[in-house]
């Protein structure tokens, strides 16, 4: 019997716009609850994604709730 091989899956591969990343942060905020380390990791990931898009990589806490980029 052959062994199944799976490719790497990263949901971030599907975040193509600033709006997608804002949605990612909103979902992370819902999942994080009271875990600041979870949100710190999500914000770091969002910053890297924004830089990949060529936009400023600052992620403010007010963006997490509203999804606004100013």
C-alpha atoms as a PDB file:
ATOM      1  CA  UNK A   1       0.000   0.000   0.000  1.00  0.00           C
ATOM      2  CA  UNK A   2       1.436   3.394  -0.961  1.00  0.00           C
ATOM      3  CA  UNK A   3       1.701   6.223   1.505  1.00  0.00           C
ATOM      4  CA  UNK A   4      -0.265   9.400   0.837  1.00  0.00           C
ATOM      5  CA  UNK A   5       1.761  12.574   0.444  1.00  0.00           C
ATOM      6  CA  UNK A   6       0.246  15.943   1.253  1.00  0.00           C
ATOM      7  CA  UNK A   7       1.520  19.326   0.180  1.00  0.00           C
ATOM      8  CA  UNK A   8       2.021  22.137   2.660  1.00  0.00           C
ATOM      9  CA  UNK A   9      -1.118  24.168   3.281  1.00  0.00           C
ATOM     10  CA  UNK A  10      -0.953  27.733   4.488  1.00  0.00           C
ATOM     11  CA  UNK A  11      -4.121  29.808   4.486  1.00  0.00           C
ATOM     12  CA  UNK A  12      -1.945  32.889   4.093  1.00  0.00           C
ATOM     13  CA  UNK A  13      -1.283  31.782   0.504  1.00  0.00           C
ATOM     14  CA  UNK A  14      -4.857  32.847  -0.247  1.00  0.00           C
ATOM     15  CA  UNK A  15      -4.677  36.309   1.335  1.00  0.00           C
ATOM     16  CA  UNK A  16      -4.127  38.526  -1.678  1.00  0.00           C
ATOM     17  CA  UNK A  17      -5.453  41.938  -0.609  1.00  0.00           C
ATOM     18  CA  UNK A  18      -5.409  44.222   2.396  1.00  0.00           C
ATOM     19  CA  UNK A  19      -9.082  43.385   2.907  1.00  0.00           C
ATOM     20  CA  UNK A  20      -8.232  39.662   3.021  1.00  0.00           C
ATOM     21  CA  UNK A  21      -5.581  40.341   5.660  1.00  0.00           C
ATOM     22  CA  UNK A  22      -7.995  42.472   7.682  1.00  0.00           C
ATOM     23  CA  UNK A  23     -10.439  39.559   7.624  1.00  0.00           C
ATOM     24  CA  UNK A  24      -7.643  37.249   8.756  1.00  0.00           C
ATOM     25  CA  UNK A  25      -6.973  39.531  11.727  1.00  0.00           C
ATOM     26  CA  UNK A  26     -10.658  39.705  12.612  1.00  0.00           C
ATOM     27  CA  UNK A  27     -10.902  35.908  12.585  1.00  0.00           C
ATOM     28  CA  UNK A  28      -7.719  35.649  14.654  1.00  0.00           C
ATOM     29  CA  UNK A  29      -9.159  38.081  17.212  1.00  0.00           C
ATOM     30  CA  UNK A  30     -12.249  35.903  17.545  1.00  0.00           C
ATOM     31  CA  UNK A  31     -10.162  32.754  17.985  1.00  0.00           C
ATOM     32  CA  UNK A  32      -7.591  34.323  20.309  1.00  0.00           C
ATOM     33  CA  UNK A  33      -9.948  35.096  23.147  1.00  0.00           C
ATOM     34  CA  UNK A  34      -7.726  36.318  25.987  1.00  0.00           C
ATOM     35  CA  UNK A  35      -4.493  34.903  24.530  1.00  0.00           C
ATOM     36  CA  UNK A  36      -2.164  37.833  23.758  1.00  0.00           C
ATOM     37  CA  UNK A  37       0.515  35.510  22.361  1.00  0.00           C
ATOM     38  CA  UNK A  38      -1.937  34.229  19.741  1.00  0.00           C
ATOM     39  CA  UNK A  39      -2.724  37.773  18.624  1.00  0.00           C
ATOM     40  CA  UNK A  40       0.940  38.763  18.637  1.00  0.00           C
ATOM     41  CA  UNK A  41       1.662  35.892  16.261  1.00  0.00           C
ATOM     42  CA  UNK A  42      -1.301  36.785  14.046  1.00  0.00           C
ATOM     43  CA  UNK A  43      -0.201  40.439  13.890  1.00  0.00           C
ATOM     44  CA  UNK A  44       3.360  39.412  13.004  1.00  0.00           C
ATOM     45  CA  UNK A  45       1.995  37.204  10.234  1.00  0.00           C
ATOM     46  CA  UNK A  46      -0.229  40.017   8.971  1.00  0.00           C
ATOM     47  CA  UNK A  47       2.725  42.407   8.966  1.00  0.00           C
ATOM     48  CA  UNK A  48       4.746  39.979   6.842  1.00  0.00           C
ATOM     49  CA  UNK A  49       1.820  39.529   4.465  1.00  0.00           C
ATOM     50  CA  UNK A  50       1.367  43.290   4.101  1.00  0.00           C
ATOM     51  CA  UNK A  51       5.055  43.686   3.327  1.00  0.00           C
ATOM     52  CA  UNK A  52       4.744  40.943   0.704  1.00  0.00           C
ATOM     53  CA  UNK A  53       1.969  43.018  -0.886  1.00  0.00           C
ATOM     54  CA  UNK A  54       4.235  46.062  -0.819  1.00  0.00           C
ATOM     55  CA  UNK A  55       2.179  48.003   1.705  1.00  0.00           C
ATOM     56  CA  UNK A  56       3.335  49.412   5.030  1.00  0.00           C
ATOM     57  CA  UNK A  57       3.541  46.593   7.538  1.00  0.00           C
ATOM     58  CA  UNK A  58       2.234  48.345  10.630  1.00  0.00           C
ATOM     59  CA  UNK A  59      -0.735  46.596  12.205  1.00  0.00           C
ATOM     60  CA  UNK A  60      -2.623  48.665  14.759  1.00  0.00           C
ATOM     61  CA  UNK A  61      -4.965  47.167  17.303  1.00  0.00           C
ATOM     62  CA  UNK A  62      -7.871  49.285  16.021  1.00  0.00           C
ATOM     63  CA  UNK A  63      -7.488  47.597  12.628  1.00  0.00           C
ATOM     64  CA  UNK A  64      -8.164  44.229  14.176  1.00  0.00           C
ATOM     65  CA  UNK A  65     -11.677  45.247  15.154  1.00  0.00           C
ATOM     66  CA  UNK A  66     -12.606  47.357  12.152  1.00  0.00           C
ATOM     67  CA  UNK A  67     -10.466  46.050   9.328  1.00  0.00           C
ATOM     68  CA  UNK A  68      -9.588  49.656   8.405  1.00  0.00           C
ATOM     69  CA  UNK A  69      -6.134  50.466   7.002  1.00  0.00           C
ATOM     70  CA  UNK A  70      -5.214  54.135   7.332  1.00  0.00           C
END
